[in-house]
Amino acid sequence: MTSPFLQIRGIRKDYGPVTAVKDVTLDVRQGEFMTFLGPSGSGKSTTLYILAGFQDPTQGDILLNGKTLLDTPSHKRNIGMVFQRYTLFPHLTVGENVAFPLRIRRLPKADVERRVKEALRLVRLEGFEDRKPALMSGGQQQRVALARALVYEPPVLLMDEPLSALDKKLREEIQFEIRRIHQETGVTILYVTHDQEEALRLSDRIAVFSHGKIDQIGTGQQLYADPSTRFVAGFVGDSNFIEVDIVAVDGGKSTLALPGGVMVSGVPLHSQGTGQKASLLLRPERIDIARGTSRDALSGQVRDLTFLGNNTHLLVDIGSGEPLSVRLPFGHPMLEGLGHGAEVHLSFSPAEAHAFRS
C-alpha cells in the first residue's frame, strides 16, 4: 500500500506555556485542495508555517513522498507560498517578479522566459510583463503573486488567507480563478481561511481547526450535513441551537424534550459529555413553517422578515432563548400575506437534526 503524498504526524507547537497547535495529524492526497478552516488563533496558520519551514514544531513530523521535511530548510523545500499581502518587489516589473524564483535557481534565460509567459497565461495576465505592481489592482497583484508561486512548478502550494484583503466581488472572482488553476495544474494546495463560504467553494476537503487541534475533516457536504462537534456545527453553515432535555437514548438516537413540552424522537446524539442537557442543531432551510399554533410543534411569532433575493429570512420567537432563523425559498406559498407578529408553528425531520450533549 502506497503512503499518502503529504503526511502531517502529531504536530505540536508550544510558545512557552502556550500551546498553539496540539496533535495535528492529517493525510493529504496528491493533487488535493485541502483547506484549513477556523477562527483566529485556532492553529491553522501556525500549522501552515511549520509546513513551509518558517517555524519548527515542538514535536511531530511532516513527510512528503515518505521523506521528512523537518531537516530541510524552508528555501530548499520547493514549496510555493502565497500570503495575504502580496509581497511583490515594487521596484521590479511583473515579469521580473514572476521570474525571480527561477533566476535564483539559475535556470537558462530561455527557460525563464518560457515559464514566465506560461505562468502569466495561467493567471490570465498576458501582456502585463512590463507593468509595475503599483499600477495594478489588488486582484491583479494577487494573481502575480500566484504566478510567482507556481512558476517553478512546486509539488505543494501553501496559501495563507490570500484573498482576505479583497472586496467580496473581487474575492469571488479570484476564488473562481484559483479553482480553475488548481484543476488545470493539478498542484496540491493547502489553503488557510476563516471564511466558511470560501472554504466550501474551493475545497476538495476541509480540516476544521479549533483551539489548536482539528475537530473534523471532510468534504463541505459532510461537515454541513453530519458535524461531529458542536463547534463544527456552529462554524460551518448557518445554524440554530435550542437547549433541550435528553429523555432517552437508543442506539445513538435520542428522544428530546423541546421548549413548551414538545417531544421529538430519532434525533442523532453526539455524546461529548455525560449530562442530560443537549444543544439541538436545526439548519434554517430544514425547518418547515405553517400558520397557527400546534401542541406537536414549536410555536412562536414572526419577529422579522428579510427578503434576500432567492430566499426570505425569518426570525421566529419561540419564547425560549434566541429567535430561530428560518429560510424559505423565493415564491414559497407560506410567504404570501405573512407579516410581523404572525402566529406560526415549526417542524423538522429528526433525522436532519443533531443533538450535542452538554
Protein backbone atom coordinates (compact mmCIF):
# COMPACT_ATOMS: atom_id res chain seq x y z
CA MET A 1 0.00 0.00 0.00
CA THR A 2 1.42 3.37 -1.01
CA SER A 3 1.74 6.09 1.62
CA PRO A 4 -0.13 9.41 1.27
CA PHE A 5 1.56 12.17 -0.70
CA LEU A 6 1.79 14.56 2.27
CA GLN A 7 1.62 13.36 5.86
CA ILE A 8 1.32 15.55 8.96
CA ARG A 9 2.01 13.45 12.04
CA GLY A 10 1.28 14.60 15.58
CA ILE A 11 2.41 18.20 15.10
CA ARG A 12 2.59 20.27 18.27
CA LYS A 13 3.83 23.83 18.72
CA ASP A 14 4.43 25.42 22.11
CA TYR A 15 5.28 29.05 22.78
CA GLY A 16 6.44 28.82 26.38
CA PRO A 17 3.39 27.81 28.44
CA VAL A 18 1.01 28.38 25.49
CA THR A 19 0.23 25.52 23.10
CA ALA A 20 -0.73 26.91 19.68
CA VAL A 21 -1.05 23.55 17.90
CA LYS A 22 -1.59 20.16 19.52
CA ASP A 23 -1.52 16.72 17.91
CA VAL A 24 -2.45 17.79 14.39
CA THR A 25 -2.46 14.68 12.20
CA LEU A 26 -3.57 14.74 8.58
CA ASP A 27 -3.01 12.94 5.26
CA VAL A 28 -3.24 14.91 2.01
CA ARG A 29 -3.59 13.21 -1.37
CA GLN A 30 -1.56 14.33 -4.36
CA GLY A 31 -3.47 16.95 -6.32
CA GLU A 32 -5.94 17.59 -3.49
CA PHE A 33 -7.26 21.02 -2.49
CA MET A 34 -7.24 20.91 1.31
CA THR A 35 -8.42 23.90 3.33
CA PHE A 36 -7.61 24.68 6.96
CA LEU A 37 -10.72 26.46 8.26
CA GLY A 38 -11.12 28.06 11.66
CA PRO A 39 -11.28 31.30 13.64
CA SER A 40 -8.27 33.43 14.50
CA GLY A 41 -5.97 31.71 16.97
CA SER A 42 -7.17 28.19 16.13
CA GLY A 43 -3.74 27.00 14.93
CA LYS A 44 -4.35 26.80 11.19
CA SER A 45 -1.72 29.36 10.09
CA THR A 46 0.85 28.04 12.57
CA THR A 47 0.43 24.57 11.05
CA LEU A 48 0.92 26.05 7.57
CA TYR A 49 4.09 27.90 8.65
CA ILE A 50 5.51 24.67 10.06
CA LEU A 51 4.83 23.02 6.70
CA ALA A 52 6.61 25.88 4.94
CA GLY A 53 9.59 25.62 7.27
CA PHE A 54 9.15 29.10 8.73
CA GLN A 55 8.67 27.59 12.19
CA ASP A 56 9.90 24.39 13.83
CA PRO A 57 7.41 22.11 15.59
CA THR A 58 7.86 21.27 19.25
CA GLN A 59 7.13 17.68 18.29
CA GLY A 60 5.79 15.66 15.39
CA ASP A 61 6.84 15.17 11.79
CA ILE A 62 5.92 16.17 8.24
CA LEU A 63 6.61 13.80 5.37
CA LEU A 64 6.47 14.47 1.64
CA ASN A 65 6.55 11.33 -0.50
CA GLY A 66 7.55 9.40 2.61
CA LYS A 67 10.55 11.60 3.47
CA THR A 68 10.67 14.03 6.38
CA LEU A 69 10.81 17.74 5.60
CA LEU A 70 11.94 18.85 9.04
CA ASP A 71 15.66 18.58 8.31
CA THR A 72 15.27 20.61 5.08
CA PRO A 73 15.43 24.43 5.37
CA SER A 74 12.43 26.38 4.06
CA HIS A 75 14.16 27.70 0.93
CA LYS A 76 15.05 24.17 -0.15
CA ARG A 77 11.65 22.53 0.41
CA ASN A 78 10.49 23.55 -3.08
CA ILE A 79 7.10 24.57 -1.70
CA GLY A 80 5.19 27.53 -3.12
CA MET A 81 3.68 30.13 -0.80
CA VAL A 82 1.08 32.88 -1.33
CA PHE A 83 0.36 35.30 1.51
CA GLN A 84 -2.43 37.72 2.38
CA ARG A 85 -0.11 40.58 1.50
CA TYR A 86 1.21 40.14 -2.00
CA THR A 87 4.92 40.60 -1.02
CA LEU A 88 5.79 41.69 -4.55
CA PHE A 89 9.01 43.60 -5.18
CA PRO A 90 7.78 47.14 -6.01
CA HIS A 91 10.90 48.07 -7.99
CA LEU A 92 10.56 45.06 -10.31
CA THR A 93 8.14 44.60 -13.19
CA VAL A 94 5.52 41.86 -13.21
CA GLY A 95 7.72 39.71 -15.41
CA GLU A 96 10.75 40.23 -13.16
CA ASN A 97 8.69 39.39 -10.06
CA VAL A 98 7.47 36.15 -11.58
CA ALA A 99 10.94 35.28 -12.89
CA PHE A 100 12.63 35.83 -9.51
CA PRO A 101 12.31 32.23 -8.19
CA LEU A 102 13.70 30.90 -11.48
CA ARG A 103 16.66 33.24 -11.56
CA ILE A 104 17.79 32.36 -8.05
CA ARG A 105 17.66 28.73 -9.24
CA ARG A 106 19.91 29.80 -12.14
CA LEU A 107 17.70 28.47 -14.91
CA PRO A 108 18.70 29.32 -18.51
CA LYS A 109 17.26 32.57 -19.84
CA ALA A 110 15.16 30.84 -22.49
CA ASP A 111 13.58 28.58 -19.85
CA VAL A 112 12.87 31.57 -17.62
CA GLU A 113 11.12 33.46 -20.41
CA ARG A 114 9.06 30.43 -21.41
CA ARG A 115 7.96 29.66 -17.84
CA VAL A 116 7.13 33.28 -17.03
CA LYS A 117 4.99 33.52 -20.16
CA GLU A 118 3.18 30.29 -19.26
CA ALA A 119 2.64 31.36 -15.62
CA LEU A 120 1.14 34.70 -16.68
CA ARG A 121 -1.09 32.91 -19.19
CA LEU A 122 -2.25 30.63 -16.40
CA VAL A 123 -3.38 33.60 -14.26
CA ARG A 124 -4.69 35.49 -17.30
CA LEU A 125 -2.19 38.34 -17.17
CA GLU A 126 -0.65 38.02 -20.62
CA GLY A 127 0.82 41.31 -21.76
CA PHE A 128 1.45 42.63 -18.23
CA GLU A 129 5.14 41.64 -18.14
CA ASP A 130 6.46 45.23 -18.16
CA ARG A 131 3.98 46.75 -15.71
CA LYS A 132 4.97 47.70 -12.15
CA PRO A 133 2.86 46.25 -9.28
CA ALA A 134 1.87 49.73 -8.05
CA LEU A 135 -0.06 50.28 -11.29
CA MET A 136 -2.18 47.17 -10.81
CA SER A 137 -5.32 46.44 -8.80
CA GLY A 138 -5.27 44.29 -5.68
CA GLY A 139 -6.74 41.35 -7.55
CA GLN A 140 -4.13 41.64 -10.32
CA GLN A 141 -1.31 41.84 -7.78
CA GLN A 142 -2.57 38.68 -6.08
CA ARG A 143 -2.58 36.94 -9.46
CA VAL A 144 1.05 37.96 -9.94
CA ALA A 145 1.89 36.50 -6.52
CA LEU A 146 0.12 33.29 -7.54
CA ALA A 147 2.03 33.14 -10.83
CA ARG A 148 5.32 33.64 -8.97
CA ALA A 149 4.48 30.80 -6.58
CA LEU A 150 3.59 28.44 -9.44
CA VAL A 151 6.29 29.34 -11.95
CA TYR A 152 8.85 26.82 -10.66
CA GLU A 153 6.22 24.05 -10.58
CA PRO A 154 6.30 23.21 -6.85
CA PRO A 155 4.64 19.94 -5.78
CA VAL A 156 2.78 21.75 -2.97
CA LEU A 157 1.32 25.26 -2.85
CA LEU A 158 0.53 26.87 0.51
CA MET A 159 -1.90 29.80 0.63
CA ASP A 160 -2.44 31.81 3.83
CA GLU A 161 -5.60 33.98 3.75
CA PRO A 162 -4.64 35.20 0.26
CA LEU A 163 -7.95 36.94 -0.52
CA SER A 164 -8.94 38.50 2.80
CA ALA A 165 -7.82 41.99 1.73
CA LEU A 166 -10.08 41.99 -1.36
CA ASP A 167 -13.71 43.11 -1.60
CA LYS A 168 -16.44 40.46 -1.89
CA LYS A 169 -16.98 40.61 -5.66
CA LEU A 170 -13.26 40.53 -6.46
CA ARG A 171 -12.70 37.81 -3.87
CA GLU A 172 -15.28 35.60 -5.60
CA GLU A 173 -13.67 36.23 -8.99
CA ILE A 174 -10.23 35.21 -7.71
CA GLN A 175 -11.71 32.17 -5.95
CA PHE A 176 -13.00 31.01 -9.32
CA GLU A 177 -9.57 31.58 -10.85
CA ILE A 178 -7.80 29.66 -8.07
CA ARG A 179 -10.17 26.73 -8.55
CA ARG A 180 -9.59 26.80 -12.33
CA ILE A 181 -5.81 26.94 -11.88
CA HIS A 182 -5.92 24.02 -9.45
CA GLN A 183 -7.89 21.94 -11.93
CA GLU A 184 -5.57 22.90 -14.78
CA THR A 185 -2.27 22.29 -12.99
CA GLY A 186 -3.15 19.51 -10.53
CA VAL A 187 -0.90 21.08 -7.88
CA THR A 188 -1.56 20.05 -4.28
CA ILE A 189 -2.92 23.09 -2.39
CA LEU A 190 -3.17 23.70 1.35
CA TYR A 191 -5.26 26.81 1.90
CA VAL A 192 -5.90 28.73 5.13
CA THR A 193 -9.05 30.79 5.64
CA HIS A 194 -11.54 31.80 8.33
CA ASP A 195 -14.26 32.25 5.67
CA GLN A 196 -16.53 29.19 5.59
CA GLU A 197 -18.09 30.14 2.25
CA GLU A 198 -14.64 30.41 0.68
CA ALA A 199 -13.70 27.00 2.10
CA LEU A 200 -16.88 25.40 0.75
CA ARG A 201 -16.41 26.94 -2.67
CA LEU A 202 -12.77 25.94 -3.17
CA SER A 203 -12.02 22.75 -1.31
CA ASP A 204 -11.98 19.05 -2.01
CA ARG A 205 -11.79 18.53 1.76
CA ILE A 206 -11.76 20.83 4.78
CA ALA A 207 -9.99 20.46 8.12
CA VAL A 208 -11.84 22.48 10.77
CA PHE A 209 -9.48 23.85 13.43
CA SER A 210 -10.48 24.78 16.98
CA HIS A 211 -8.20 25.64 19.92
CA GLY A 212 -5.08 24.30 18.23
CA LYS A 213 -6.49 20.97 17.05
CA ILE A 214 -8.55 19.57 14.20
CA ASP A 215 -12.17 18.94 15.18
CA GLN A 216 -13.23 17.26 11.94
CA ILE A 217 -12.02 16.56 8.39
CA GLY A 218 -14.39 16.03 5.48
CA THR A 219 -15.96 17.43 2.37
CA GLY A 220 -18.05 20.56 2.75
CA GLN A 221 -21.19 18.50 2.38
CA GLN A 222 -20.07 16.05 5.08
CA LEU A 223 -19.25 18.83 7.53
CA TYR A 224 -22.56 20.58 6.92
CA ALA A 225 -24.81 17.52 6.95
CA ASP A 226 -23.04 15.49 9.66
CA PRO A 227 -20.96 17.69 12.00
CA SER A 228 -19.17 15.69 14.70
CA THR A 229 -18.91 18.51 17.27
CA ARG A 230 -21.00 21.48 18.32
CA PHE A 231 -18.18 23.77 17.22
CA VAL A 232 -18.19 22.41 13.67
CA ALA A 233 -21.99 22.57 13.60
CA GLY A 234 -21.92 26.25 14.52
CA PHE A 235 -18.93 27.25 12.39
CA VAL A 236 -19.84 25.59 9.09
CA GLY A 237 -23.11 26.92 7.68
CA ASP A 238 -25.98 28.81 9.28
CA SER A 239 -27.36 27.21 12.41
CA ASN A 240 -29.89 27.41 15.23
CA PHE A 241 -29.23 25.88 18.64
CA ILE A 242 -32.01 25.10 21.10
CA GLU A 243 -31.29 23.93 24.65
CA VAL A 244 -33.24 20.69 25.25
CA ASP A 245 -33.51 17.84 27.75
CA ILE A 246 -32.47 14.29 26.87
CA VAL A 247 -35.33 11.94 27.77
CA ALA A 248 -33.97 8.68 26.34
CA VAL A 249 -31.14 7.32 24.16
CA ASP A 250 -31.30 4.23 21.98
CA GLY A 251 -28.51 3.23 19.59
CA GLY A 252 -27.16 6.72 19.04
CA LYS A 253 -30.63 8.24 18.53
CA SER A 254 -32.26 10.37 21.21
CA THR A 255 -35.70 11.39 22.41
CA LEU A 256 -35.68 15.05 23.38
CA ALA A 257 -37.96 17.40 25.29
CA LEU A 258 -38.11 20.74 23.47
CA PRO A 259 -39.29 24.08 24.87
CA GLY A 260 -43.02 24.07 25.56
CA GLY A 261 -43.03 20.34 26.30
CA VAL A 262 -42.83 19.20 22.67
CA MET A 263 -41.27 15.71 22.38
CA VAL A 264 -39.27 14.52 19.39
CA SER A 265 -37.63 11.13 18.82
CA GLY A 266 -34.96 9.82 16.46
CA VAL A 267 -32.51 12.73 16.66
CA PRO A 268 -28.82 11.67 16.25
CA LEU A 269 -26.96 12.32 19.53
CA HIS A 270 -23.27 13.21 19.69
CA SER A 271 -22.15 12.19 23.16
CA GLN A 272 -19.42 14.64 24.11
CA GLY A 273 -20.47 14.82 27.75
CA THR A 274 -22.46 12.99 30.39
CA GLY A 275 -25.22 15.47 31.23
CA GLN A 276 -28.91 15.18 30.44
CA LYS A 277 -28.95 18.53 28.64
CA ALA A 278 -28.16 18.97 24.95
CA SER A 279 -27.96 21.59 22.22
CA LEU A 280 -30.23 20.78 19.30
CA LEU A 281 -28.94 21.92 15.89
CA LEU A 282 -31.53 22.97 13.33
CA ARG A 283 -30.47 24.32 9.93
CA PRO A 284 -32.62 27.32 8.86
CA GLU A 285 -33.50 25.84 5.46
CA ARG A 286 -34.51 22.49 7.02
CA ILE A 287 -37.30 23.97 9.15
CA ASP A 288 -40.89 23.74 7.89
CA ILE A 289 -43.25 26.54 8.87
CA ALA A 290 -47.05 26.67 8.98
CA ARG A 291 -49.58 29.20 10.22
CA GLY A 292 -51.17 28.94 13.64
CA THR A 293 -50.05 27.06 16.73
CA SER A 294 -49.70 23.34 17.41
CA ARG A 295 -49.14 21.23 20.53
CA ASP A 296 -46.97 18.88 18.48
CA ALA A 297 -44.56 21.51 17.16
CA LEU A 298 -42.60 24.56 18.26
CA SER A 299 -44.95 27.55 18.24
CA GLY A 300 -43.97 31.19 18.04
CA GLN A 301 -44.37 34.60 16.47
CA VAL A 302 -42.64 36.07 13.44
CA ARG A 303 -40.40 38.91 14.62
CA ASP A 304 -38.63 39.81 11.40
CA LEU A 305 -38.71 39.09 7.65
CA THR A 306 -35.87 39.97 5.30
CA PHE A 307 -36.08 39.45 1.55
CA LEU A 308 -32.69 38.25 0.22
CA GLY A 309 -33.50 37.57 -3.43
CA ASN A 310 -33.53 33.80 -3.82
CA ASN A 311 -34.82 33.32 -0.27
CA THR A 312 -36.51 35.13 2.61
CA HIS A 313 -35.01 35.07 6.09
CA LEU A 314 -37.43 34.92 9.04
CA LEU A 315 -36.79 35.25 12.76
CA VAL A 316 -39.35 33.36 14.85
CA ASP A 317 -39.57 33.94 18.62
CA ILE A 318 -40.44 30.66 20.34
CA GLY A 319 -40.24 32.19 23.83
CA SER A 320 -37.02 30.43 24.77
CA GLY A 321 -33.53 31.77 24.03
CA GLU A 322 -32.66 33.44 20.74
CA PRO A 323 -35.25 33.63 17.93
CA LEU A 324 -34.99 30.80 15.42
CA SER A 325 -33.69 31.58 11.95
CA VAL A 326 -35.81 30.13 9.12
CA ARG A 327 -35.12 30.42 5.39
CA LEU A 328 -37.84 29.97 2.78
CA PRO A 329 -37.10 29.86 -0.96
CA PHE A 330 -38.38 32.57 -3.29
CA GLY A 331 -42.06 32.10 -4.08
CA HIS A 332 -42.81 29.82 -1.12
CA PRO A 333 -46.60 29.83 -0.58
CA MET A 334 -46.21 30.47 3.17
CA LEU A 335 -44.77 33.92 2.45
CA GLU A 336 -47.95 35.30 0.94
CA GLY A 337 -49.52 37.64 3.48
CA LEU A 338 -47.09 36.63 6.23
CA GLY A 339 -46.15 39.58 8.42
CA HIS A 340 -44.67 40.66 11.74
CA GLY A 341 -46.39 39.11 14.73
CA ALA A 342 -47.94 36.24 12.78
CA GLU A 343 -48.54 33.08 14.81
CA VAL A 344 -46.71 30.10 13.29
CA HIS A 345 -45.51 26.66 14.22
CA LEU A 346 -42.28 24.99 13.19
CA SER A 347 -41.44 21.37 12.45
CA PHE A 348 -38.41 19.44 11.20
CA SER A 349 -37.23 15.96 10.31
CA PRO A 350 -35.46 14.39 13.33
CA ALA A 351 -33.00 12.63 11.00
CA GLU A 352 -31.80 16.02 9.66
CA ALA A 353 -31.22 17.48 13.14
CA HIS A 354 -28.31 16.86 15.51
CA ALA A 355 -28.09 16.96 19.29
CA PHE A 356 -24.83 17.65 21.13
CA ARG A 357 -24.79 16.57 24.74
CA SER A 358 -23.75 19.33 27.13
